Amino acid sequence: MKSSRPTFLLFTILISTLLFNSSCDSDCSDTKFDIQSITMSPKILNQVDLGDLEWDNSLELPVNNLAVEIRMNKVFSSIPDDDDCLPKYRINNKVKNIRLLSNQGFDAATPAGEDLFEISAFTFDARNFIEKADFLSGFVNDSNFNRYYFVLNRNPDLQGVHRMVMYMDFEDGTSIESNPIEVLITPIDTSPQPD
């Protein structure tokens, strides 16, 4: 008799979970949004609070100290009114590409005017980093988050002030651009250090 009670309880929990998940999946509608604008702000890479420290060109910090904040103004046009559903965020006008252009060449493989997002990684917490394609599909087009950061994954050839602008290209052929930022990018010193 004792063994039937745990079996019954386990069976009840299993059935309840299946009913809840199936009803939520079939009845939930998407939360739709549009991206109205984008802004960028250079920050000092800081794992405790990424957005806390403002970048200062006069410090001549190396490139691995730079984290640029991207803010997206997302306007929501439809929000499901069912409290039992987990929201699924979908963009109305899908972003098909993002680009980061600079007036300066970065290295031999990335001259001025080439997309710097190809040599970048994206994060929201300074611990988990993803590439451009995953950022586009999983975060820009399908999430309600509006603040991210990117870091540059390569060492530049030379020190220089880069005037950078981000472009977002939508499926319908329209584009928006961010504010320009001017960032002094300094190579990491890779010369051998004396003991």
N, C-alpha and C. Protein backbone atom coordinates (compact mmCIF):
# COMPACT_ATOMS: atom_id res chain seq x y z
N MET A 1 0.81 -1.20 0.00
CA MET A 1 0.00 0.00 0.00
C MET A 1 0.84 1.26 0.00
N LYS A 2 1.99 1.22 0.69
CA LYS A 2 2.84 2.40 0.77
C LYS A 2 3.43 2.76 -0.59
N SER A 3 3.73 1.79 -1.42
CA SER A 3 4.36 2.06 -2.71
C SER A 3 3.40 2.69 -3.71
N SER A 4 2.10 2.49 -3.55
CA SER A 4 1.15 3.07 -4.50
C SER A 4 0.99 4.58 -4.31
N ARG A 5 1.16 5.07 -3.10
CA ARG A 5 1.02 6.52 -2.84
C ARG A 5 2.09 7.33 -3.57
N PRO A 6 3.40 6.99 -3.45
CA PRO A 6 4.41 7.73 -4.22
C PRO A 6 4.20 7.61 -5.73
N THR A 7 3.77 6.46 -6.20
CA THR A 7 3.52 6.27 -7.63
C THR A 7 2.38 7.18 -8.08
N PHE A 8 1.31 7.24 -7.29
CA PHE A 8 0.17 8.10 -7.63
C PHE A 8 0.58 9.57 -7.63
N LEU A 9 1.36 9.98 -6.63
CA LEU A 9 1.82 11.36 -6.54
C LEU A 9 2.71 11.71 -7.74
N LEU A 10 3.62 10.83 -8.08
CA LEU A 10 4.49 11.04 -9.23
C LEU A 10 3.68 11.13 -10.52
N PHE A 11 2.70 10.24 -10.67
CA PHE A 11 1.83 10.23 -11.84
C PHE A 11 1.04 11.55 -11.94
N THR A 12 0.51 12.04 -10.83
CA THR A 12 -0.25 13.29 -10.80
C THR A 12 0.62 14.48 -11.20
N ILE A 13 1.83 14.53 -10.67
CA ILE A 13 2.76 15.63 -11.02
C ILE A 13 3.11 15.59 -12.49
N LEU A 14 3.36 14.40 -13.01
CA LEU A 14 3.71 14.24 -14.43
C LEU A 14 2.57 14.69 -15.33
N ILE A 15 1.35 14.29 -15.04
CA ILE A 15 0.18 14.68 -15.85
C ILE A 15 -0.05 16.18 -15.77
N SER A 16 0.07 16.76 -14.57
CA SER A 16 -0.13 18.21 -14.40
C SER A 16 0.89 18.99 -15.20
N THR A 17 2.14 18.55 -15.16
CA THR A 17 3.20 19.22 -15.92
C THR A 17 2.94 19.15 -17.41
N LEU A 18 2.56 17.99 -17.90
CA LEU A 18 2.28 17.83 -19.33
C LEU A 18 1.10 18.71 -19.77
N LEU A 19 0.05 18.75 -18.97
CA LEU A 19 -1.10 19.59 -19.31
C LEU A 19 -0.75 21.06 -19.31
N PHE A 20 0.03 21.49 -18.32
CA PHE A 20 0.42 22.90 -18.24
C PHE A 20 1.28 23.28 -19.44
N ASN A 21 2.28 22.46 -19.76
CA ASN A 21 3.18 22.76 -20.88
C ASN A 21 2.46 22.74 -22.22
N SER A 22 1.57 21.77 -22.43
CA SER A 22 0.90 21.68 -23.72
C SER A 22 -0.10 22.83 -23.89
N SER A 23 -0.81 23.21 -22.83
CA SER A 23 -1.76 24.31 -22.96
C SER A 23 -1.05 25.62 -23.18
N CYS A 24 0.09 25.79 -22.54
CA CYS A 24 0.83 27.04 -22.69
C CYS A 24 1.41 27.17 -24.09
N ASP A 25 1.97 26.07 -24.62
CA ASP A 25 2.58 26.12 -25.95
C ASP A 25 1.55 26.39 -27.05
N SER A 26 0.37 25.81 -26.94
CA SER A 26 -0.59 25.92 -28.03
C SER A 26 -1.38 27.24 -28.00
N ASP A 27 -1.56 27.82 -26.84
CA ASP A 27 -2.42 29.00 -26.73
C ASP A 27 -1.67 30.33 -26.68
N CYS A 28 -0.38 30.30 -26.51
CA CYS A 28 0.38 31.54 -26.34
C CYS A 28 0.63 32.21 -27.68
N SER A 29 0.50 33.52 -27.69
CA SER A 29 0.83 34.28 -28.90
C SER A 29 2.14 35.02 -28.66
N ASP A 30 2.78 35.41 -29.75
CA ASP A 30 4.06 36.11 -29.66
C ASP A 30 3.87 37.53 -29.14
N THR A 31 4.89 38.01 -28.46
CA THR A 31 4.98 39.42 -28.11
C THR A 31 5.79 40.08 -29.22
N LYS A 32 5.19 41.01 -29.93
CA LYS A 32 5.84 41.63 -31.09
C LYS A 32 6.45 42.98 -30.72
N PHE A 33 7.61 43.27 -31.33
CA PHE A 33 8.27 44.55 -31.06
C PHE A 33 8.97 45.05 -32.32
N ASP A 34 9.33 46.33 -32.29
CA ASP A 34 10.13 46.96 -33.33
C ASP A 34 11.30 47.67 -32.66
N ILE A 35 12.43 47.73 -33.34
CA ILE A 35 13.58 48.49 -32.85
C ILE A 35 13.52 49.87 -33.48
N GLN A 36 13.38 50.88 -32.66
CA GLN A 36 13.24 52.26 -33.14
C GLN A 36 14.58 52.96 -33.32
N SER A 37 15.53 52.69 -32.42
CA SER A 37 16.83 53.37 -32.49
C SER A 37 17.88 52.54 -31.75
N ILE A 38 19.15 52.86 -32.04
CA ILE A 38 20.27 52.21 -31.36
C ILE A 38 21.28 53.28 -30.96
N THR A 39 21.91 53.08 -29.80
CA THR A 39 22.97 53.98 -29.35
C THR A 39 24.14 53.15 -28.86
N MET A 40 25.34 53.75 -28.91
CA MET A 40 26.55 53.09 -28.42
C MET A 40 27.23 53.99 -27.41
N SER A 41 27.90 53.35 -26.45
CA SER A 41 28.65 54.08 -25.43
C SER A 41 29.84 53.23 -25.00
N PRO A 42 31.08 53.75 -25.14
CA PRO A 42 32.25 52.94 -24.75
C PRO A 42 32.40 52.88 -23.23
N LYS A 43 32.72 51.69 -22.74
CA LYS A 43 32.89 51.44 -21.30
C LYS A 43 34.20 50.70 -21.08
N ILE A 44 34.65 50.71 -19.81
CA ILE A 44 35.81 49.91 -19.43
C ILE A 44 35.28 48.54 -19.02
N LEU A 45 35.84 47.49 -19.60
CA LEU A 45 35.41 46.13 -19.31
C LEU A 45 35.55 45.85 -17.82
N ASN A 46 34.43 45.51 -17.20
CA ASN A 46 34.38 45.32 -15.76
C ASN A 46 33.37 44.22 -15.48
N GLN A 47 33.82 43.09 -14.95
CA GLN A 47 32.93 41.94 -14.76
C GLN A 47 31.92 42.15 -13.64
N VAL A 48 32.19 43.05 -12.72
CA VAL A 48 31.26 43.26 -11.61
C VAL A 48 30.04 44.03 -12.08
N ASP A 49 30.25 45.15 -12.74
CA ASP A 49 29.14 45.93 -13.28
C ASP A 49 29.58 46.52 -14.61
N LEU A 50 29.21 45.84 -15.69
CA LEU A 50 29.71 46.19 -17.02
C LEU A 50 29.48 47.65 -17.39
N GLY A 51 28.33 48.20 -17.06
CA GLY A 51 28.02 49.56 -17.50
C GLY A 51 28.51 50.64 -16.57
N ASP A 52 29.31 50.28 -15.57
CA ASP A 52 29.66 51.22 -14.51
C ASP A 52 30.76 52.21 -14.89
N LEU A 53 31.77 51.77 -15.61
CA LEU A 53 32.96 52.58 -15.83
C LEU A 53 33.01 53.14 -17.25
N GLU A 54 33.00 54.46 -17.36
CA GLU A 54 33.06 55.13 -18.66
C GLU A 54 34.47 55.06 -19.23
N TRP A 55 34.57 54.87 -20.53
CA TRP A 55 35.85 54.83 -21.23
C TRP A 55 36.45 56.23 -21.27
N ASP A 56 37.75 56.31 -21.09
CA ASP A 56 38.46 57.59 -21.13
C ASP A 56 39.66 57.43 -22.05
N ASN A 57 39.65 58.10 -23.22
CA ASN A 57 40.73 57.97 -24.19
C ASN A 57 42.09 58.39 -23.62
N SER A 58 42.09 59.32 -22.68
CA SER A 58 43.37 59.81 -22.14
C SER A 58 44.12 58.74 -21.34
N LEU A 59 43.43 57.70 -20.91
CA LEU A 59 44.09 56.62 -20.16
C LEU A 59 44.89 55.69 -21.06
N GLU A 60 44.64 55.74 -22.37
CA GLU A 60 45.33 54.91 -23.36
C GLU A 60 45.30 53.43 -22.97
N LEU A 61 44.14 52.96 -22.58
CA LEU A 61 43.98 51.56 -22.18
C LEU A 61 44.08 50.65 -23.41
N PRO A 62 44.60 49.44 -23.24
CA PRO A 62 44.66 48.50 -24.37
C PRO A 62 43.28 48.01 -24.77
N VAL A 63 43.18 47.48 -25.97
CA VAL A 63 41.92 47.07 -26.57
C VAL A 63 41.15 46.05 -25.72
N ASN A 64 41.85 45.21 -24.96
CA ASN A 64 41.15 44.21 -24.16
C ASN A 64 40.46 44.80 -22.93
N ASN A 65 40.56 46.10 -22.72
CA ASN A 65 39.83 46.77 -21.64
C ASN A 65 38.55 47.44 -22.14
N LEU A 66 38.31 47.37 -23.45
CA LEU A 66 37.16 48.07 -24.04
C LEU A 66 35.94 47.15 -24.16
N ALA A 67 34.81 47.65 -23.69
CA ALA A 67 33.51 47.00 -23.90
C ALA A 67 32.56 48.11 -24.33
N VAL A 68 31.98 47.99 -25.50
CA VAL A 68 31.07 49.03 -26.00
C VAL A 68 29.63 48.59 -25.73
N GLU A 69 28.90 49.47 -25.06
CA GLU A 69 27.49 49.19 -24.76
C GLU A 69 26.63 49.54 -25.96
N ILE A 70 25.72 48.62 -26.30
CA ILE A 70 24.72 48.86 -27.34
C ILE A 70 23.36 48.91 -26.64
N ARG A 71 22.62 49.98 -26.86
CA ARG A 71 21.25 50.07 -26.35
C ARG A 71 20.30 50.14 -27.53
N MET A 72 19.25 49.32 -27.45
CA MET A 72 18.23 49.29 -28.50
C MET A 72 16.91 49.76 -27.90
N ASN A 73 16.32 50.76 -28.52
CA ASN A 73 15.00 51.21 -28.10
C ASN A 73 13.98 50.30 -28.78
N LYS A 74 13.45 49.33 -27.99
CA LYS A 74 12.47 48.37 -28.52
C LYS A 74 11.07 48.81 -28.09
N VAL A 75 10.18 48.97 -29.07
CA VAL A 75 8.80 49.36 -28.81
C VAL A 75 7.91 48.15 -29.05
N PHE A 76 7.12 47.77 -28.04
CA PHE A 76 6.29 46.58 -28.12
C PHE A 76 4.91 46.93 -28.66
N SER A 77 4.48 46.20 -29.69
CA SER A 77 3.19 46.49 -30.34
C SER A 77 2.10 45.51 -29.94
N SER A 78 2.47 44.32 -29.50
CA SER A 78 1.47 43.35 -29.04
C SER A 78 2.03 42.58 -27.87
N ILE A 79 1.27 42.52 -26.80
CA ILE A 79 1.68 41.81 -25.60
C ILE A 79 0.54 40.88 -25.20
N PRO A 80 0.77 39.56 -25.15
CA PRO A 80 -0.29 38.63 -24.76
C PRO A 80 -0.80 38.95 -23.35
N ASP A 81 -2.10 38.80 -23.16
CA ASP A 81 -2.68 39.10 -21.85
C ASP A 81 -2.89 37.86 -21.00
N ASP A 82 -2.35 36.73 -21.44
CA ASP A 82 -2.47 35.48 -20.70
C ASP A 82 -1.31 35.35 -19.72
N ASP A 83 -1.60 35.44 -18.43
CA ASP A 83 -0.55 35.38 -17.42
C ASP A 83 0.06 33.99 -17.27
N ASP A 84 -0.59 32.96 -17.79
CA ASP A 84 -0.08 31.60 -17.67
C ASP A 84 0.98 31.28 -18.72
N CYS A 85 1.14 32.13 -19.70
CA CYS A 85 2.08 31.86 -20.79
C CYS A 85 3.44 32.49 -20.54
N LEU A 86 4.46 31.77 -20.96
CA LEU A 86 5.79 32.35 -20.98
C LEU A 86 5.89 33.19 -22.25
N PRO A 87 6.30 34.46 -22.15
CA PRO A 87 6.33 35.30 -23.35
C PRO A 87 7.37 34.82 -24.36
N LYS A 88 7.01 34.90 -25.63
CA LYS A 88 7.93 34.63 -26.74
C LYS A 88 8.06 35.92 -27.51
N TYR A 89 9.25 36.50 -27.51
CA TYR A 89 9.47 37.80 -28.14
C TYR A 89 9.91 37.61 -29.58
N ARG A 90 9.24 38.30 -30.49
CA ARG A 90 9.55 38.23 -31.92
C ARG A 90 9.50 39.64 -32.49
N ILE A 91 10.47 39.94 -33.34
CA ILE A 91 10.52 41.26 -33.95
C ILE A 91 9.59 41.30 -35.16
N ASN A 92 8.92 42.43 -35.37
CA ASN A 92 8.04 42.60 -36.53
C ASN A 92 8.83 42.67 -37.83
N ASN A 93 9.85 43.50 -37.87
CA ASN A 93 10.68 43.71 -39.05
C ASN A 93 12.06 43.19 -38.71
N LYS A 94 12.35 41.96 -39.13
CA LYS A 94 13.56 41.25 -38.72
C LYS A 94 14.83 41.99 -39.13
N VAL A 95 15.80 41.99 -38.21
CA VAL A 95 17.12 42.54 -38.52
C VAL A 95 17.90 41.46 -39.26
N LYS A 96 18.33 41.78 -40.48
CA LYS A 96 19.06 40.76 -41.25
C LYS A 96 20.57 40.91 -41.12
N ASN A 97 21.03 42.10 -40.70
CA ASN A 97 22.48 42.30 -40.54
C ASN A 97 22.74 43.47 -39.61
N ILE A 98 23.86 43.38 -38.90
CA ILE A 98 24.38 44.50 -38.14
C ILE A 98 25.83 44.69 -38.56
N ARG A 99 26.25 45.94 -38.61
CA ARG A 99 27.61 46.24 -39.03
C ARG A 99 28.19 47.31 -38.12
N LEU A 100 29.49 47.23 -37.88
CA LEU A 100 30.22 48.26 -37.14
C LEU A 100 31.35 48.73 -38.03
N LEU A 101 31.27 49.99 -38.44
CA LEU A 101 32.28 50.53 -39.35
C LEU A 101 33.12 51.59 -38.65
N SER A 102 34.39 51.63 -39.02
CA SER A 102 35.33 52.60 -38.46
C SER A 102 36.01 53.35 -39.59
N ASN A 103 36.42 54.58 -39.30
CA ASN A 103 37.16 55.37 -40.30
C ASN A 103 38.63 54.98 -40.34
N GLN A 104 39.08 54.09 -39.44
CA GLN A 104 40.47 53.65 -39.38
C GLN A 104 40.56 52.16 -39.67
N GLY A 105 41.67 51.75 -40.23
CA GLY A 105 41.93 50.33 -40.37
C GLY A 105 42.26 49.74 -39.01
N PHE A 106 41.84 48.50 -38.78
CA PHE A 106 42.08 47.86 -37.48
C PHE A 106 43.35 47.02 -37.52
N ASP A 107 43.43 46.15 -38.50
CA ASP A 107 44.64 45.34 -38.72
C ASP A 107 44.73 45.06 -40.21
N ALA A 108 45.73 44.29 -40.62
CA ALA A 108 45.95 44.04 -42.05
C ALA A 108 44.73 43.38 -42.71
N ALA A 109 44.01 42.56 -41.98
CA ALA A 109 42.85 41.86 -42.54
C ALA A 109 41.56 42.67 -42.45
N THR A 110 41.58 43.78 -41.71
CA THR A 110 40.37 44.57 -41.49
C THR A 110 40.65 46.05 -41.75
N PRO A 111 40.66 46.46 -43.03
CA PRO A 111 40.90 47.87 -43.33
C PRO A 111 39.71 48.75 -42.96
N ALA A 112 39.90 50.04 -43.05
CA ALA A 112 38.81 50.99 -42.77
C ALA A 112 37.60 50.66 -43.64
N GLY A 113 36.41 50.72 -43.05
CA GLY A 113 35.18 50.43 -43.79
C GLY A 113 34.74 48.99 -43.75
N GLU A 114 35.59 48.09 -43.22
CA GLU A 114 35.21 46.67 -43.07
C GLU A 114 34.42 46.50 -41.77
N ASP A 115 33.57 45.50 -41.72
CA ASP A 115 32.71 45.25 -40.57
C ASP A 115 33.53 44.73 -39.38
N LEU A 116 33.62 45.54 -38.32
CA LEU A 116 34.35 45.14 -37.12
C LEU A 116 33.58 44.12 -36.27
N PHE A 117 32.28 43.96 -36.55
CA PHE A 117 31.53 42.94 -35.82
C PHE A 117 31.97 41.52 -36.21
N GLU A 118 32.68 41.39 -37.32
CA GLU A 118 33.21 40.08 -37.71
C GLU A 118 34.35 39.65 -36.81
N ILE A 119 34.96 40.62 -36.10
CA ILE A 119 36.05 40.29 -35.17
C ILE A 119 35.64 40.67 -33.74
N SER A 120 34.34 40.60 -33.46
CA SER A 120 33.82 40.97 -32.14
C SER A 120 33.09 39.80 -31.51
N ALA A 121 32.87 39.92 -30.21
CA ALA A 121 32.03 38.99 -29.46
C ALA A 121 31.04 39.81 -28.65
N PHE A 122 29.84 39.28 -28.46
CA PHE A 122 28.76 40.00 -27.79
C PHE A 122 28.47 39.35 -26.45
N THR A 123 28.07 40.19 -25.48
CA THR A 123 27.78 39.70 -24.14
C THR A 123 26.78 40.61 -23.46
N PHE A 124 26.16 40.10 -22.40
CA PHE A 124 25.33 40.96 -21.55
C PHE A 124 25.85 40.93 -20.12
N ASP A 125 26.83 40.05 -19.82
CA ASP A 125 27.30 39.91 -18.45
C ASP A 125 28.82 39.84 -18.30
N ALA A 126 29.57 39.98 -19.37
CA ALA A 126 31.05 39.93 -19.38
C ALA A 126 31.59 38.55 -19.00
N ARG A 127 30.74 37.53 -19.01
CA ARG A 127 31.18 36.17 -18.72
C ARG A 127 30.87 35.22 -19.87
N ASN A 128 29.75 35.44 -20.51
CA ASN A 128 29.30 34.59 -21.62
C ASN A 128 29.36 35.41 -22.90
N PHE A 129 30.07 34.91 -23.89
CA PHE A 129 30.25 35.64 -25.14
C PHE A 129 29.74 34.80 -26.31
N ILE A 130 29.12 35.49 -27.29
CA ILE A 130 28.61 34.81 -28.48
C ILE A 130 29.05 35.57 -29.73
N GLU A 131 28.98 34.90 -30.86
CA GLU A 131 29.35 35.51 -32.13
C GLU A 131 28.18 36.27 -32.73
N LYS A 132 28.47 37.01 -33.77
CA LYS A 132 27.49 37.88 -34.43
C LYS A 132 26.22 37.13 -34.86
N ALA A 133 26.35 35.99 -35.51
CA ALA A 133 25.18 35.25 -36.02
C ALA A 133 24.25 34.85 -34.88
N ASP A 134 24.80 34.36 -33.78
CA ASP A 134 23.99 33.96 -32.63
C ASP A 134 23.36 35.17 -31.94
N PHE A 135 24.09 36.26 -31.91
CA PHE A 135 23.57 37.50 -31.33
C PHE A 135 22.35 37.99 -32.12
N LEU A 136 22.46 37.94 -33.44
CA LEU A 136 21.34 38.37 -34.30
C LEU A 136 20.12 37.48 -34.11
N SER A 137 20.31 36.18 -34.20
CA SER A 137 19.15 35.28 -34.17
C SER A 137 18.55 35.13 -32.79
N GLY A 138 19.39 35.05 -31.77
CA GLY A 138 18.88 34.74 -30.45
C GLY A 138 18.59 35.92 -29.55
N PHE A 139 19.12 37.08 -29.85
CA PHE A 139 18.96 38.22 -28.96
C PHE A 139 18.35 39.44 -29.63
N VAL A 140 18.88 39.85 -30.76
CA VAL A 140 18.36 41.05 -31.43
C VAL A 140 16.94 40.82 -31.91
N ASN A 141 16.70 39.68 -32.57
CA ASN A 141 15.39 39.42 -33.17
C ASN A 141 14.40 38.70 -32.27
N ASP A 142 14.86 38.07 -31.21
CA ASP A 142 13.98 37.23 -30.40
C ASP A 142 14.17 37.39 -28.90
N SER A 143 14.26 38.60 -28.40
CA SER A 143 14.32 38.78 -26.94
C SER A 143 13.87 40.18 -26.58
N ASN A 144 13.52 40.34 -25.32
CA ASN A 144 13.09 41.66 -24.85
C ASN A 144 14.25 42.46 -24.27
N PHE A 145 15.45 41.88 -24.19
CA PHE A 145 16.60 42.62 -23.66
C PHE A 145 16.95 43.76 -24.60
N ASN A 146 17.36 44.87 -24.03
CA ASN A 146 17.69 46.02 -24.88
C ASN A 146 19.10 46.56 -24.65
N ARG A 147 19.89 45.92 -23.78
CA ARG A 147 21.25 46.38 -23.53
C ARG A 147 22.22 45.22 -23.65
N TYR A 148 23.23 45.40 -24.49
CA TYR A 148 24.27 44.40 -24.71
C TYR A 148 25.60 45.11 -24.80
N TYR A 149 26.66 44.34 -24.88
CA TYR A 149 28.00 44.87 -25.04
C TYR A 149 28.73 44.05 -26.09
N PHE A 150 29.73 44.67 -26.71
CA PHE A 150 30.62 43.89 -27.56
C PHE A 150 32.06 44.24 -27.22
N VAL A 151 32.93 43.28 -27.47
CA VAL A 151 34.37 43.45 -27.30
C VAL A 151 35.03 43.07 -28.62
N LEU A 152 36.19 43.63 -28.86
CA LEU A 152 36.95 43.30 -30.07
C LEU A 152 37.91 42.16 -29.75
N ASN A 153 37.93 41.14 -30.61
CA ASN A 153 38.69 39.91 -30.34
C ASN A 153 40.09 39.88 -30.91
N ARG A 154 40.52 40.95 -31.53
CA ARG A 154 41.86 40.97 -32.12
C ARG A 154 42.64 42.15 -31.59
N ASN A 155 43.94 42.05 -31.72
CA ASN A 155 44.84 43.12 -31.36
C ASN A 155 45.05 44.02 -32.58
N PRO A 156 44.82 45.32 -32.47
CA PRO A 156 45.02 46.19 -33.64
C PRO A 156 46.51 46.29 -33.99
N ASP A 157 46.78 46.65 -35.24
CA ASP A 157 48.16 46.83 -35.66
C ASP A 157 48.79 48.06 -35.03
N LEU A 158 48.02 49.16 -34.97
CA LEU A 158 48.54 50.43 -34.48
C LEU A 158 47.55 51.09 -33.53
N GLN A 159 48.06 51.98 -32.71
CA GLN A 159 47.19 52.79 -31.87
C GLN A 159 46.52 53.86 -32.75
N GLY A 160 45.25 54.11 -32.51
CA GLY A 160 44.56 55.15 -33.28
C GLY A 160 43.17 55.42 -32.73
N VAL A 161 42.69 56.64 -33.01
CA VAL A 161 41.33 57.01 -32.61
C VAL A 161 40.39 56.54 -33.72
N HIS A 162 39.48 55.66 -33.36
CA HIS A 162 38.51 55.11 -34.30
C HIS A 162 37.18 55.82 -34.10
N ARG A 163 36.64 56.34 -35.19
CA ARG A 163 35.27 56.90 -35.17
C ARG A 163 34.36 55.79 -35.68
N MET A 164 33.59 55.20 -34.77
CA MET A 164 32.78 54.03 -35.09
C MET A 164 31.30 54.35 -35.12
N VAL A 165 30.60 53.71 -36.06
CA VAL A 165 29.15 53.83 -36.18
C VAL A 165 28.60 52.43 -36.42
N MET A 166 27.49 52.13 -35.73
CA MET A 166 26.81 50.85 -35.91
C MET A 166 25.62 51.02 -36.84
N TYR A 167 25.43 50.08 -37.76
CA TYR A 167 24.30 50.08 -38.68
C TYR A 167 23.48 48.81 -38.46
N MET A 168 22.18 48.95 -38.53
CA MET A 168 21.26 47.83 -38.40
C MET A 168 20.41 47.79 -39.66
N ASP A 169 20.50 46.71 -40.43
CA ASP A 169 19.77 46.56 -41.69
C ASP A 169 18.59 45.62 -41.48
N PHE A 170 17.39 46.09 -41.85
CA PHE A 170 16.17 45.32 -41.65
C PHE A 170 15.76 44.57 -42.92
N GLU A 171 14.90 43.58 -42.71
CA GLU A 171 14.42 42.74 -43.81
C GLU A 171 13.69 43.53 -44.88
N ASP A 172 13.01 44.61 -44.50
CA ASP A 172 12.24 45.39 -45.47
C ASP A 172 13.11 46.37 -46.27
N GLY A 173 14.43 46.34 -46.09
CA GLY A 173 15.34 47.19 -46.85
C GLY A 173 15.71 48.49 -46.15
N THR A 174 15.09 48.80 -45.02
CA THR A 174 15.44 50.02 -44.28
C THR A 174 16.63 49.76 -43.37
N SER A 175 17.25 50.83 -42.93
CA SER A 175 18.39 50.76 -42.01
C SER A 175 18.30 51.88 -40.99
N ILE A 176 18.91 51.65 -39.84
CA ILE A 176 19.10 52.74 -38.88
C ILE A 176 20.57 52.72 -38.48
N GLU A 177 21.05 53.86 -38.00
CA GLU A 177 22.43 53.93 -37.55
C GLU A 177 22.49 54.53 -36.16
N SER A 178 23.57 54.19 -35.46
CA SER A 178 23.77 54.68 -34.10
C SER A 178 24.46 56.03 -34.13
N ASN A 179 24.59 56.59 -32.95
CA ASN A 179 25.44 57.75 -32.77
C ASN A 179 26.89 57.34 -33.03
N PRO A 180 27.73 58.22 -33.54
CA PRO A 180 29.15 57.87 -33.68
C PRO A 180 29.85 57.97 -32.32
N ILE A 181 30.84 57.12 -32.11
CA ILE A 181 31.68 57.23 -30.92
C ILE A 181 33.13 57.30 -31.37
N GLU A 182 33.96 58.01 -30.62
CA GLU A 182 35.38 58.09 -30.92
C GLU A 182 36.14 57.42 -29.78
N VAL A 183 36.86 56.36 -30.13
CA VAL A 183 37.55 55.54 -29.14
C VAL A 183 39.01 55.39 -29.53
N LEU A 184 39.90 55.71 -28.59
CA LEU A 184 41.32 55.47 -28.80
C LEU A 184 41.57 53.99 -28.53
N ILE A 185 41.95 53.27 -29.57
CA ILE A 185 42.21 51.83 -29.44
C ILE A 185 43.73 51.62 -29.46
N THR A 186 44.22 51.01 -28.40
CA THR A 186 45.65 50.80 -28.21
C THR A 186 45.94 49.29 -28.25
N PRO A 187 46.96 48.88 -28.99
CA PRO A 187 47.30 47.45 -29.02
C PRO A 187 47.74 46.96 -27.64
N ILE A 188 47.52 45.68 -27.40
CA ILE A 188 48.03 45.03 -26.19
C ILE A 188 49.52 44.84 -26.39
N ASP A 189 50.30 45.16 -25.39
CA ASP A 189 51.75 44.98 -25.46
C ASP A 189 52.07 43.50 -25.37
N THR A 190 52.54 42.93 -26.46
CA THR A 190 52.85 41.49 -26.49
C THR A 190 54.36 41.22 -26.48
N SER A 191 55.15 42.27 -26.26
CA SER A 191 56.60 42.08 -26.23
C SER A 191 57.00 41.32 -24.95
N PRO A 192 58.04 40.50 -25.03
CA PRO A 192 58.46 39.74 -23.85
C PRO A 192 58.86 40.70 -22.72
N GLN A 193 58.44 40.38 -21.52
CA GLN A 193 58.75 41.20 -20.35
C GLN A 193 59.96 40.61 -19.64
N PRO A 194 60.88 41.49 -19.17
CA PRO A 194 62.05 40.97 -18.44
C PRO A 194 61.62 40.35 -17.10
N ASP A 195 62.39 39.37 -16.67
CA ASP A 195 62.07 38.71 -15.39
C ASP A 195 62.45 39.53 -14.21
